[in-house]
Amino acid sequence: MARTIIFYEQYFIEFYKSLDDKVKEKVKYVLELIRQVERVPEKFLAPMTGCEGLFEIRVEYQSNIYRIFCCFDHGQLVVLFNAFQKKTPKTPKVEIERAMRLKNEYFQTRNDLK
């Protein structure tokens, strides 16, 4: 039951390239968990309250917290959008708005291809 993970545009890739190697390893671990585990613990993947269909992937390394926004498409396809290092208890509104815009763009683009 492996999920497929894809990247919408280059937002996640650019973020990932900026991380140090230890953080990259942790991100890879969490993404692999999401790929393989049927019921991913909420510690690693949770729906965003009030944001229809938007989820956040949660990565913690030492005292740093990272978030990767994503959505599901056709059940087993996980689409990654923007990501950032979280420095405050609340997720910045600008990052949530960007993720929602990217999610809408993704589905619009996908529908245009049909």
PDB file of N, CA and C in Angstrom:
ATOM      1  N   MET A   1       0.830  -1.189   0.000  1.00  0.00           N
ATOM      2  CA  MET A   1       0.000   0.000   0.000  1.00  0.00           C
ATOM      3  C   MET A   1       0.871   1.249   0.000  1.00  0.00           C
ATOM      4  N   ALA A   2       1.920   1.266  -0.714  1.00  0.00           N
ATOM      5  CA  ALA A   2       2.810   2.433  -0.689  1.00  0.00           C
ATOM      6  C   ALA A   2       2.167   3.624  -1.394  1.00  0.00           C
ATOM      7  N   ARG A   3       2.280   4.766  -0.745  1.00  0.00           N
ATOM      8  CA  ARG A   3       1.826   6.008  -1.364  1.00  0.00           C
ATOM      9  C   ARG A   3       2.935   6.518  -2.286  1.00  0.00           C
ATOM     10  N   THR A   4       2.542   7.350  -3.233  1.00  0.00           N
ATOM     11  CA  THR A   4       3.500   8.010  -4.107  1.00  0.00           C
ATOM     12  C   THR A   4       3.581   9.470  -3.675  1.00  0.00           C
ATOM     13  N   ILE A   5       4.789   9.990  -3.573  1.00  0.00           N
ATOM     14  CA  ILE A   5       4.975  11.385  -3.191  1.00  0.00           C
ATOM     15  C   ILE A   5       5.535  12.142  -4.389  1.00  0.00           C
ATOM     16  N   ILE A   6       4.880  13.253  -4.730  1.00  0.00           N
ATOM     17  CA  ILE A   6       5.367  14.101  -5.827  1.00  0.00           C
ATOM     18  C   ILE A   6       5.515  15.533  -5.309  1.00  0.00           C
ATOM     19  N   PHE A   7       6.211  16.348  -6.067  1.00  0.00           N
ATOM     20  CA  PHE A   7       6.435  17.744  -5.701  1.00  0.00           C
ATOM     21  C   PHE A   7       5.720  18.630  -6.707  1.00  0.00           C
ATOM     22  N   TYR A   8       4.943  19.588  -6.197  1.00  0.00           N
ATOM     23  CA  TYR A   8       4.320  20.567  -7.090  1.00  0.00           C
ATOM     24  C   TYR A   8       5.286  21.734  -7.228  1.00  0.00           C
ATOM     25  N   GLU A   9       5.694  22.009  -8.460  1.00  0.00           N
ATOM     26  CA  GLU A   9       6.675  23.064  -8.747  1.00  0.00           C
ATOM     27  C   GLU A   9       7.981  22.755  -7.997  1.00  0.00           C
ATOM     28  N   GLN A  10       8.732  23.793  -7.622  1.00  0.00           N
ATOM     29  CA  GLN A  10      10.047  23.595  -6.992  1.00  0.00           C
ATOM     30  C   GLN A  10      10.095  24.045  -5.530  1.00  0.00           C
ATOM     31  N   TYR A  11       8.956  24.403  -4.949  1.00  0.00           N
ATOM     32  CA  TYR A  11       8.949  24.984  -3.608  1.00  0.00           C
ATOM     33  C   TYR A  11       9.589  24.074  -2.567  1.00  0.00           C
ATOM     34  N   PHE A  12       9.166  22.822  -2.525  1.00  0.00           N
ATOM     35  CA  PHE A  12       9.721  21.901  -1.540  1.00  0.00           C
ATOM     36  C   PHE A  12      11.197  21.615  -1.833  1.00  0.00           C
ATOM     37  N   ILE A  13      11.532  21.390  -3.093  1.00  0.00           N
ATOM     38  CA  ILE A  13      12.920  21.069  -3.474  1.00  0.00           C
ATOM     39  C   ILE A  13      13.866  22.185  -3.028  1.00  0.00           C
ATOM     40  N   GLU A  14      13.484  23.429  -3.279  1.00  0.00           N
ATOM     41  CA  GLU A  14      14.337  24.561  -2.888  1.00  0.00           C
ATOM     42  C   GLU A  14      14.530  24.598  -1.375  1.00  0.00           C
ATOM     43  N   PHE A  15      13.461  24.354  -0.631  1.00  0.00           N
ATOM     44  CA  PHE A  15      13.551  24.312   0.825  1.00  0.00           C
ATOM     45  C   PHE A  15      14.479  23.177   1.263  1.00  0.00           C
ATOM     46  N   TYR A  16      14.270  22.002   0.692  1.00  0.00           N
ATOM     47  CA  TYR A  16      15.046  20.815   1.061  1.00  0.00           C
ATOM     48  C   TYR A  16      16.544  21.037   0.827  1.00  0.00           C
ATOM     49  N   LYS A  17      16.880  21.646  -0.296  1.00  0.00           N
ATOM     50  CA  LYS A  17      18.297  21.903  -0.615  1.00  0.00           C
ATOM     51  C   LYS A  17      18.959  22.808   0.419  1.00  0.00           C
ATOM     52  N   SER A  18      18.175  23.661   1.086  1.00  0.00           N
ATOM     53  CA  SER A  18      18.735  24.609   2.054  1.00  0.00           C
ATOM     54  C   SER A  18      19.011  23.968   3.419  1.00  0.00           C
ATOM     55  N   LEU A  19      18.542  22.752   3.631  1.00  0.00           N
ATOM     56  CA  LEU A  19      18.683  22.105   4.938  1.00  0.00           C
ATOM     57  C   LEU A  19      20.049  21.455   5.103  1.00  0.00           C
ATOM     58  N   ASP A  20      20.480  21.318   6.356  1.00  0.00           N
ATOM     59  CA  ASP A  20      21.736  20.593   6.552  1.00  0.00           C
ATOM     60  C   ASP A  20      21.467  19.089   6.477  1.00  0.00           C
ATOM     61  N   ASP A  21      22.519  18.311   6.351  1.00  0.00           N
ATOM     62  CA  ASP A  21      22.390  16.883   6.063  1.00  0.00           C
ATOM     63  C   ASP A  21      21.592  16.111   7.116  1.00  0.00           C
ATOM     64  N   LYS A  22      21.767  16.438   8.385  1.00  0.00           N
ATOM     65  CA  LYS A  22      21.046  15.718   9.454  1.00  0.00           C
ATOM     66  C   LYS A  22      19.540  15.975   9.345  1.00  0.00           C
ATOM     67  N   VAL A  23      19.165  17.210   9.041  1.00  0.00           N
ATOM     68  CA  VAL A  23      17.743  17.543   8.889  1.00  0.00           C
ATOM     69  C   VAL A  23      17.194  16.854   7.642  1.00  0.00           C
ATOM     70  N   LYS A  24      17.969  16.822   6.568  1.00  0.00           N
ATOM     71  CA  LYS A  24      17.541  16.130   5.344  1.00  0.00           C
ATOM     72  C   LYS A  24      17.239  14.659   5.643  1.00  0.00           C
ATOM     73  N   GLU A  25      18.092  14.024   6.450  1.00  0.00           N
ATOM     74  CA  GLU A  25      17.872  12.616   6.822  1.00  0.00           C
ATOM     75  C   GLU A  25      16.547  12.450   7.550  1.00  0.00           C
ATOM     76  N   LYS A  26      16.245  13.362   8.471  1.00  0.00           N
ATOM     77  CA  LYS A  26      14.996  13.290   9.228  1.00  0.00           C
ATOM     78  C   LYS A  26      13.795  13.509   8.300  1.00  0.00           C
ATOM     79  N   VAL A  27      13.912  14.451   7.364  1.00  0.00           N
ATOM     80  CA  VAL A  27      12.833  14.699   6.396  1.00  0.00           C
ATOM     81  C   VAL A  27      12.607  13.443   5.559  1.00  0.00           C
ATOM     82  N   LYS A  28      13.691  12.835   5.094  1.00  0.00           N
ATOM     83  CA  LYS A  28      13.566  11.602   4.296  1.00  0.00           C
ATOM     84  C   LYS A  28      12.888  10.492   5.102  1.00  0.00           C
ATOM     85  N   TYR A  29      13.256  10.382   6.385  1.00  0.00           N
ATOM     86  CA  TYR A  29      12.655   9.375   7.263  1.00  0.00           C
ATOM     87  C   TYR A  29      11.141   9.585   7.352  1.00  0.00           C
ATOM     88  N   VAL A  30      10.714  10.829   7.601  1.00  0.00           N
ATOM     89  CA  VAL A  30       9.282  11.113   7.757  1.00  0.00           C
ATOM     90  C   VAL A  30       8.540  10.892   6.438  1.00  0.00           C
ATOM     91  N   LEU A  31       9.132  11.302   5.321  1.00  0.00           N
ATOM     92  CA  LEU A  31       8.485  11.084   4.021  1.00  0.00           C
ATOM     93  C   LEU A  31       8.350   9.589   3.728  1.00  0.00           C
ATOM     94  N   GLU A  32       9.351   8.816   4.091  1.00  0.00           N
ATOM     95  CA  GLU A  32       9.292   7.363   3.887  1.00  0.00           C
ATOM     96  C   GLU A  32       8.205   6.748   4.769  1.00  0.00           C
ATOM     97  N   LEU A  33       8.080   7.244   5.974  1.00  0.00           N
ATOM     98  CA  LEU A  33       7.018   6.792   6.879  1.00  0.00           C
ATOM     99  C   LEU A  33       5.647   7.056   6.237  1.00  0.00           C
ATOM    100  N   ILE A  34       5.466   8.251   5.699  1.00  0.00           N
ATOM    101  CA  ILE A  34       4.201   8.601   5.050  1.00  0.00           C
ATOM    102  C   ILE A  34       3.962   7.715   3.826  1.00  0.00           C
ATOM    103  N   ARG A  35       5.022   7.399   3.116  1.00  0.00           N
ATOM    104  CA  ARG A  35       4.912   6.527   1.937  1.00  0.00           C
ATOM    105  C   ARG A  35       4.461   5.118   2.312  1.00  0.00           C
ATOM    106  N   GLN A  36       4.996   4.597   3.423  1.00  0.00           N
ATOM    107  CA  GLN A  36       4.836   3.178   3.738  1.00  0.00           C
ATOM    108  C   GLN A  36       3.741   2.843   4.753  1.00  0.00           C
ATOM    109  N   VAL A  37       3.507   3.711   5.741  1.00  0.00           N
ATOM    110  CA  VAL A  37       2.622   3.373   6.858  1.00  0.00           C
ATOM    111  C   VAL A  37       1.181   3.770   6.534  1.00  0.00           C
ATOM    112  N   GLU A  38       0.273   2.821   6.695  1.00  0.00           N
ATOM    113  CA  GLU A  38      -1.127   3.088   6.349  1.00  0.00           C
ATOM    114  C   GLU A  38      -1.734   4.179   7.222  1.00  0.00           C
ATOM    115  N   ARG A  39      -1.565   4.067   8.545  1.00  0.00           N
ATOM    116  CA  ARG A  39      -2.097   5.071   9.470  1.00  0.00           C
ATOM    117  C   ARG A  39      -0.921   5.841  10.066  1.00  0.00           C
ATOM    118  N   VAL A  40      -0.603   6.961   9.453  1.00  0.00           N
ATOM    119  CA  VAL A  40       0.540   7.769   9.893  1.00  0.00           C
ATOM    120  C   VAL A  40       0.155   8.499  11.184  1.00  0.00           C
ATOM    121  N   PRO A  41       0.984   8.393  12.234  1.00  0.00           N
ATOM    122  CA  PRO A  41       0.671   9.102  13.477  1.00  0.00           C
ATOM    123  C   PRO A  41       0.557  10.614  13.243  1.00  0.00           C
ATOM    124  N   GLU A  42      -0.350  11.245  13.985  1.00  0.00           N
ATOM    125  CA  GLU A  42      -0.572  12.683  13.828  1.00  0.00           C
ATOM    126  C   GLU A  42       0.675  13.496  14.189  1.00  0.00           C
ATOM    127  N   LYS A  43       1.566  12.882  14.925  1.00  0.00           N
ATOM    128  CA  LYS A  43       2.835  13.550  15.246  1.00  0.00           C
ATOM    129  C   LYS A  43       3.583  13.915  13.944  1.00  0.00           C
ATOM    130  N   PHE A  44       3.364  13.134  12.881  1.00  0.00           N
ATOM    131  CA  PHE A  44       4.074  13.335  11.620  1.00  0.00           C
ATOM    132  C   PHE A  44       3.214  13.919  10.497  1.00  0.00           C
ATOM    133  N   LEU A  45       1.900  13.705  10.555  1.00  0.00           N
ATOM    134  CA  LEU A  45       1.015  14.163   9.481  1.00  0.00           C
ATOM    135  C   LEU A  45      -0.341  14.508  10.079  1.00  0.00           C
ATOM    136  N   ALA A  46      -0.773  15.760   9.879  1.00  0.00           N
ATOM    137  CA  ALA A  46      -2.051  16.187  10.461  1.00  0.00           C
ATOM    138  C   ALA A  46      -2.780  17.124   9.515  1.00  0.00           C
ATOM    139  N   PRO A  47      -4.119  17.054   9.528  1.00  0.00           N
ATOM    140  CA  PRO A  47      -4.892  17.996   8.706  1.00  0.00           C
ATOM    141  C   PRO A  47      -4.792  19.409   9.288  1.00  0.00           C
ATOM    142  N   MET A  48      -4.805  20.395   8.420  1.00  0.00           N
ATOM    143  CA  MET A  48      -4.793  21.796   8.852  1.00  0.00           C
ATOM    144  C   MET A  48      -6.233  22.217   9.146  1.00  0.00           C
ATOM    145  N   THR A  49      -6.484  22.663  10.337  1.00  0.00           N
ATOM    146  CA  THR A  49      -7.822  23.089  10.741  1.00  0.00           C
ATOM    147  C   THR A  49      -8.284  24.265   9.886  1.00  0.00           C
ATOM    148  N   GLY A  50      -9.479  24.134   9.351  1.00  0.00           N
ATOM    149  CA  GLY A  50     -10.055  25.220   8.565  1.00  0.00           C
ATOM    150  C   GLY A  50      -9.508  25.375   7.163  1.00  0.00           C
ATOM    151  N   CYS A  51      -8.670  24.453   6.726  1.00  0.00           N
ATOM    152  CA  CYS A  51      -8.070  24.517   5.385  1.00  0.00           C
ATOM    153  C   CYS A  51      -8.424  23.238   4.635  1.00  0.00           C
ATOM    154  N   GLU A  52      -9.524  23.265   3.951  1.00  0.00           N
ATOM    155  CA  GLU A  52     -10.069  22.089   3.263  1.00  0.00           C
ATOM    156  C   GLU A  52      -9.010  21.324   2.464  1.00  0.00           C
ATOM    157  N   GLY A  53      -8.756  20.080   2.862  1.00  0.00           N
ATOM    158  CA  GLY A  53      -7.870  19.200   2.097  1.00  0.00           C
ATOM    159  C   GLY A  53      -6.382  19.447   2.265  1.00  0.00           C
ATOM    160  N   LEU A  54      -6.003  20.396   3.117  1.00  0.00           N
ATOM    161  CA  LEU A  54      -4.586  20.705   3.309  1.00  0.00           C
ATOM    162  C   LEU A  54      -4.071  19.997   4.559  1.00  0.00           C
ATOM    163  N   PHE A  55      -2.885  19.410   4.444  1.00  0.00           N
ATOM    164  CA  PHE A  55      -2.242  18.717   5.563  1.00  0.00           C
ATOM    165  C   PHE A  55      -0.864  19.314   5.799  1.00  0.00           C
ATOM    166  N   GLU A  56      -0.352  19.091   7.007  1.00  0.00           N
ATOM    167  CA  GLU A  56       1.037  19.479   7.258  1.00  0.00           C
ATOM    168  C   GLU A  56       1.813  18.257   7.709  1.00  0.00           C
ATOM    169  N   ILE A  57       2.981  18.117   7.116  1.00  0.00           N
ATOM    170  CA  ILE A  57       3.928  17.081   7.522  1.00  0.00           C
ATOM    171  C   ILE A  57       4.808  17.732   8.574  1.00  0.00           C
ATOM    172  N   ARG A  58       4.963  17.054   9.692  1.00  0.00           N
ATOM    173  CA  ARG A  58       5.688  17.622  10.825  1.00  0.00           C
ATOM    174  C   ARG A  58       7.022  16.910  11.003  1.00  0.00           C
ATOM    175  N   VAL A  59       8.089  17.702  10.972  1.00  0.00           N
ATOM    176  CA  VAL A  59       9.428  17.157  11.153  1.00  0.00           C
ATOM    177  C   VAL A  59      10.091  17.931  12.288  1.00  0.00           C
ATOM    178  N   GLU A  60      10.609  17.198  13.261  1.00  0.00           N
ATOM    179  CA  GLU A  60      11.353  17.843  14.342  1.00  0.00           C
ATOM    180  C   GLU A  60      12.745  17.252  14.380  1.00  0.00           C
ATOM    181  N   TYR A  61      13.722  18.148  14.506  1.00  0.00           N
ATOM    182  CA  TYR A  61      15.107  17.698  14.647  1.00  0.00           C
ATOM    183  C   TYR A  61      15.769  18.585  15.681  1.00  0.00           C
ATOM    184  N   GLN A  62      16.268  17.970  16.727  1.00  0.00           N
ATOM    185  CA  GLN A  62      16.804  18.675  17.889  1.00  0.00           C
ATOM    186  C   GLN A  62      15.733  19.659  18.353  1.00  0.00           C
ATOM    187  N   SER A  63      16.028  20.939  18.457  1.00  0.00           N
ATOM    188  CA  SER A  63      14.992  21.865  18.944  1.00  0.00           C
ATOM    189  C   SER A  63      14.315  22.607  17.786  1.00  0.00           C
ATOM    190  N   ASN A  64      14.564  22.168  16.555  1.00  0.00           N
ATOM    191  CA  ASN A  64      13.979  22.831  15.388  1.00  0.00           C
ATOM    192  C   ASN A  64      12.745  22.090  14.887  1.00  0.00           C
ATOM    193  N   ILE A  65      11.789  22.870  14.427  1.00  0.00           N
ATOM    194  CA  ILE A  65      10.537  22.322  13.914  1.00  0.00           C
ATOM    195  C   ILE A  65      10.383  22.765  12.463  1.00  0.00           C
ATOM    196  N   TYR A  66      10.042  21.818  11.600  1.00  0.00           N
ATOM    197  CA  TYR A  66       9.854  22.095  10.171  1.00  0.00           C
ATOM    198  C   TYR A  66       8.462  21.631   9.774  1.00  0.00           C
ATOM    199  N   ARG A  67       7.865  22.349   8.839  1.00  0.00           N
ATOM    200  CA  ARG A  67       6.545  21.985   8.337  1.00  0.00           C
ATOM    201  C   ARG A  67       6.588  21.936   6.816  1.00  0.00           C
ATOM    202  N   ILE A  68       5.928  20.914   6.274  1.00  0.00           N
ATOM    203  CA  ILE A  68       5.801  20.759   4.827  1.00  0.00           C
ATOM    204  C   ILE A  68       4.302  20.627   4.546  1.00  0.00           C
ATOM    205  N   PHE A  69       3.766  21.506   3.736  1.00  0.00           N
ATOM    206  CA  PHE A  69       2.341  21.419   3.404  1.00  0.00           C
ATOM    207  C   PHE A  69       2.140  20.447   2.253  1.00  0.00           C
ATOM    208  N   CYS A  70       1.018  19.728   2.306  1.00  0.00           N
ATOM    209  CA  CYS A  70       0.728  18.751   1.262  1.00  0.00           C
ATOM    210  C   CYS A  70      -0.768  18.514   1.174  1.00  0.00           C
ATOM    211  N   CYS A  71      -1.165  17.761   0.155  1.00  0.00           N
ATOM    212  CA  CYS A  71      -2.541  17.297   0.044  1.00  0.00           C
ATOM    213  C   CYS A  71      -2.508  15.898  -0.558  1.00  0.00           C
ATOM    214  N   PHE A  72      -3.648  15.255  -0.528  1.00  0.00           N
ATOM    215  CA  PHE A  72      -3.780  13.938  -1.147  1.00  0.00           C
ATOM    216  C   PHE A  72      -4.545  14.096  -2.447  1.00  0.00           C
ATOM    217  N   ASP A  73      -4.163  13.324  -3.435  1.00  0.00           N
ATOM    218  CA  ASP A  73      -4.852  13.326  -4.720  1.00  0.00           C
ATOM    219  C   ASP A  73      -5.067  11.860  -5.096  1.00  0.00           C
ATOM    220  N   HIS A  74      -6.264  11.487  -5.425  1.00  0.00           N
ATOM    221  CA  HIS A  74      -6.599  10.103  -5.762  1.00  0.00           C
ATOM    222  C   HIS A  74      -6.148   9.132  -4.664  1.00  0.00           C
ATOM    223  N   GLY A  75      -6.288   9.524  -3.411  1.00  0.00           N
ATOM    224  CA  GLY A  75      -6.043   8.625  -2.285  1.00  0.00           C
ATOM    225  C   GLY A  75      -4.604   8.358  -1.937  1.00  0.00           C
ATOM    226  N   GLN A  76      -3.837   7.764  -2.860  1.00  0.00           N
ATOM    227  CA  GLN A  76      -2.476   7.331  -2.520  1.00  0.00           C
ATOM    228  C   GLN A  76      -1.382   8.271  -3.029  1.00  0.00           C
ATOM    229  N   LEU A  77      -1.779   9.375  -3.672  1.00  0.00           N
ATOM    230  CA  LEU A  77      -0.786  10.323  -4.187  1.00  0.00           C
ATOM    231  C   LEU A  77      -0.685  11.492  -3.221  1.00  0.00           C
ATOM    232  N   VAL A  78       0.523  11.748  -2.723  1.00  0.00           N
ATOM    233  CA  VAL A  78       0.753  12.866  -1.812  1.00  0.00           C
ATOM    234  C   VAL A  78       1.500  13.942  -2.597  1.00  0.00           C
ATOM    235  N   VAL A  79       0.943  15.146  -2.613  1.00  0.00           N
ATOM    236  CA  VAL A  79       1.530  16.257  -3.360  1.00  0.00           C
ATOM    237  C   VAL A  79       2.115  17.246  -2.363  1.00  0.00           C
ATOM    238  N   LEU A  80       3.444  17.473  -2.439  1.00  0.00           N
ATOM    239  CA  LEU A  80       4.117  18.392  -1.519  1.00  0.00           C
ATOM    240  C   LEU A  80       4.147  19.794  -2.113  1.00  0.00           C
ATOM    241  N   PHE A  81       3.885  20.780  -1.246  1.00  0.00           N
ATOM    242  CA  PHE A  81       3.907  22.181  -1.663  1.00  0.00           C
ATOM    243  C   PHE A  81       5.064  22.893  -0.973  1.00  0.00           C
ATOM    244  N   ASN A  82       4.792  24.025  -0.345  1.00  0.00           N
ATOM    245  CA  ASN A  82       5.831  24.800   0.322  1.00  0.00           C
ATOM    246  C   ASN A  82       6.182  24.210   1.683  1.00  0.00           C
ATOM    247  N   ALA A  83       7.337  24.613   2.186  1.00  0.00           N
ATOM    248  CA  ALA A  83       7.817  24.143   3.487  1.00  0.00           C
ATOM    249  C   ALA A  83       8.576  25.288   4.147  1.00  0.00           C
ATOM    250  N   PHE A  84       8.703  25.208   5.465  1.00  0.00           N
ATOM    251  CA  PHE A  84       9.408  26.267   6.182  1.00  0.00           C
ATOM    252  C   PHE A  84       9.843  25.755   7.548  1.00  0.00           C
ATOM    253  N   GLN A  85      10.744  26.501   8.164  1.00  0.00           N
ATOM    254  CA  GLN A  85      11.141  26.195   9.535  1.00  0.00           C
ATOM    255  C   GLN A  85      10.232  27.004  10.445  1.00  0.00           C
ATOM    256  N   LYS A  86       9.604  26.330  11.379  1.00  0.00           N
ATOM    257  CA  LYS A  86       8.633  26.968  12.266  1.00  0.00           C
ATOM    258  C   LYS A  86       9.376  27.580  13.447  1.00  0.00           C
ATOM    259  N   LYS A  87       9.162  28.883  13.663  1.00  0.00           N
ATOM    260  CA  LYS A  87       9.867  29.576  14.741  1.00  0.00           C
ATOM    261  C   LYS A  87       8.920  30.117  15.807  1.00  0.00           C
ATOM    262  N   THR A  88       7.613  30.007  15.570  1.00  0.00           N
ATOM    263  CA  THR A  88       6.627  30.487  16.543  1.00  0.00           C
ATOM    264  C   THR A  88       5.596  29.382  16.771  1.00  0.00           C
ATOM    265  N   PRO A  89       4.859  29.440  17.897  1.00  0.00           N
ATOM    266  CA  PRO A  89       3.860  28.392  18.159  1.00  0.00           C
ATOM    267  C   PRO A  89       2.780  28.302  17.076  1.00  0.00           C
ATOM    268  N   LYS A  90       2.357  29.441  16.545  1.00  0.00           N
ATOM    269  CA  LYS A  90       1.332  29.420  15.501  1.00  0.00           C
ATOM    270  C   LYS A  90       1.989  29.369  14.129  1.00  0.00           C
ATOM    271  N   THR A  91       1.390  28.589  13.229  1.00  0.00           N
ATOM    272  CA  THR A  91       1.885  28.531  11.853  1.00  0.00           C
ATOM    273  C   THR A  91       1.602  29.878  11.186  1.00  0.00           C
ATOM    274  N   PRO A  92       2.626  30.494  10.573  1.00  0.00           N
ATOM    275  CA  PRO A  92       2.419  31.800   9.934  1.00  0.00           C
ATOM    276  C   PRO A  92       1.321  31.757   8.868  1.00  0.00           C
ATOM    277  N   LYS A  93       0.424  32.740   8.956  1.00  0.00           N
ATOM    278  CA  LYS A  93      -0.713  32.812   8.041  1.00  0.00           C
ATOM    279  C   LYS A  93      -0.248  32.874   6.583  1.00  0.00           C
ATOM    280  N   VAL A  94       0.845  33.584   6.336  1.00  0.00           N
ATOM    281  CA  VAL A  94       1.352  33.725   4.968  1.00  0.00           C
ATOM    282  C   VAL A  94       1.731  32.360   4.377  1.00  0.00           C
ATOM    283  N   GLU A  95       2.271  31.464   5.203  1.00  0.00           N
ATOM    284  CA  GLU A  95       2.644  30.123   4.723  1.00  0.00           C
ATOM    285  C   GLU A  95       1.401  29.284   4.427  1.00  0.00           C
ATOM    286  N   ILE A  96       0.386  29.409   5.277  1.00  0.00           N
ATOM    287  CA  ILE A  96      -0.867  28.674   5.045  1.00  0.00           C
ATOM    288  C   ILE A  96      -1.535  29.177   3.766  1.00  0.00           C
ATOM    289  N   GLU A  97      -1.567  30.498   3.591  1.00  0.00           N
ATOM    290  CA  GLU A  97      -2.183  31.077   2.389  1.00  0.00           C
ATOM    291  C   GLU A  97      -1.438  30.628   1.131  1.00  0.00           C
ATOM    292  N   ARG A  98      -0.112  30.596   1.199  1.00  0.00           N
ATOM    293  CA  ARG A  98       0.683  30.132   0.060  1.00  0.00           C
ATOM    294  C   ARG A  98       0.346  28.678  -0.260  1.00  0.00           C
ATOM    295  N   ALA A  99       0.261  27.849   0.769  1.00  0.00           N
ATOM    296  CA  ALA A  99      -0.049  26.427   0.570  1.00  0.00           C
ATOM    297  C   ALA A  99      -1.431  26.249  -0.056  1.00  0.00           C
ATOM    298  N   MET A 100      -2.404  27.003   0.407  1.00  0.00           N
ATOM    299  CA  MET A 100      -3.756  26.896  -0.160  1.00  0.00           C
ATOM    300  C   MET A 100      -3.753  27.341  -1.625  1.00  0.00           C
ATOM    301  N   ARG A 101      -3.026  28.403  -1.925  1.00  0.00           N
ATOM    302  CA  ARG A 101      -2.928  28.881  -3.315  1.00  0.00           C
ATOM    303  C   ARG A 101      -2.282  27.802  -4.197  1.00  0.00           C
ATOM    304  N   LEU A 102      -1.200  27.200  -3.708  1.00  0.00           N
ATOM    305  CA  LEU A 102      -0.505  26.169  -4.477  1.00  0.00           C
ATOM    306  C   LEU A 102      -1.388  24.937  -4.672  1.00  0.00           C
ATOM    307  N   LYS A 103      -2.128  24.568  -3.635  1.00  0.00           N
ATOM    308  CA  LYS A 103      -3.042  23.424  -3.742  1.00  0.00           C
ATOM    309  C   LYS A 103      -4.095  23.699  -4.816  1.00  0.00           C
ATOM    310  N   ASN A 104      -4.670  24.893  -4.779  1.00  0.00           N
ATOM    311  CA  ASN A 104      -5.678  25.255  -5.782  1.00  0.00           C
ATOM    312  C   ASN A 104      -5.084  25.274  -7.190  1.00  0.00           C
ATOM    313  N   GLU A 105      -3.874  25.824  -7.321  1.00  0.00           N
ATOM    314  CA  GLU A 105      -3.177  25.826  -8.625  1.00  0.00           C
ATOM    315  C   GLU A 105      -2.962  24.397  -9.120  1.00  0.00           C
ATOM    316  N   TYR A 106      -2.499  23.536  -8.208  1.00  0.00           N
ATOM    317  CA  TYR A 106      -2.226  22.143  -8.573  1.00  0.00           C
ATOM    318  C   TYR A 106      -3.476  21.481  -9.151  1.00  0.00           C
ATOM    319  N   PHE A 107      -4.599  21.600  -8.442  1.00  0.00           N
ATOM    320  CA  PHE A 107      -5.820  20.948  -8.923  1.00  0.00           C
ATOM    321  C   PHE A 107      -6.346  21.609 -10.189  1.00  0.00           C
ATOM    322  N   GLN A 108      -6.181  22.915 -10.316  1.00  0.00           N
ATOM    323  CA  GLN A 108      -6.599  23.602 -11.551  1.00  0.00           C
ATOM    324  C   GLN A 108      -5.759  23.110 -12.736  1.00  0.00           C
ATOM    325  N   THR A 109      -4.452  23.029 -12.537  1.00  0.00           N
ATOM    326  CA  THR A 109      -3.538  22.578 -13.597  1.00  0.00           C
ATOM    327  C   THR A 109      -3.845  21.136 -13.972  1.00  0.00           C
ATOM    328  N   ARG A 110      -4.046  20.304 -12.956  1.00  0.00           N
ATOM    329  CA  ARG A 110      -4.340  18.897 -13.209  1.00  0.00           C
ATOM    330  C   ARG A 110      -5.638  18.742 -13.982  1.00  0.00           C
ATOM    331  N   ASN A 111      -6.659  19.515 -13.615  1.00  0.00           N
ATOM    332  CA  ASN A 111      -7.936  19.444 -14.314  1.00  0.00           C
ATOM    333  C   ASN A 111      -7.841  19.958 -15.741  1.00  0.00           C
ATOM    334  N   ASP A 112      -6.964  20.943 -15.960  1.00  0.00           N
ATOM    335  CA  ASP A 112      -6.769  21.481 -17.313  1.00  0.00           C
ATOM    336  C   ASP A 112      -6.160  20.455 -18.249  1.00  0.00           C
ATOM    337  N   LEU A 113      -5.421  19.484 -17.688  1.00  0.00           N
ATOM    338  CA  LEU A 113      -4.758  18.474 -18.519  1.00  0.00           C
ATOM    339  C   LEU A 113      -5.710  17.400 -19.010  1.00  0.00           C
ATOM    340  N   LYS A 114      -6.888  17.325 -18.417  1.00  0.00           N
ATOM    341  CA  LYS A 114      -7.845  16.267 -18.789  1.00  0.00           C
ATOM    342  C   LYS A 114      -8.475  16.555 -20.138  1.00  0.00           C
TER     343      LYS A 114
END
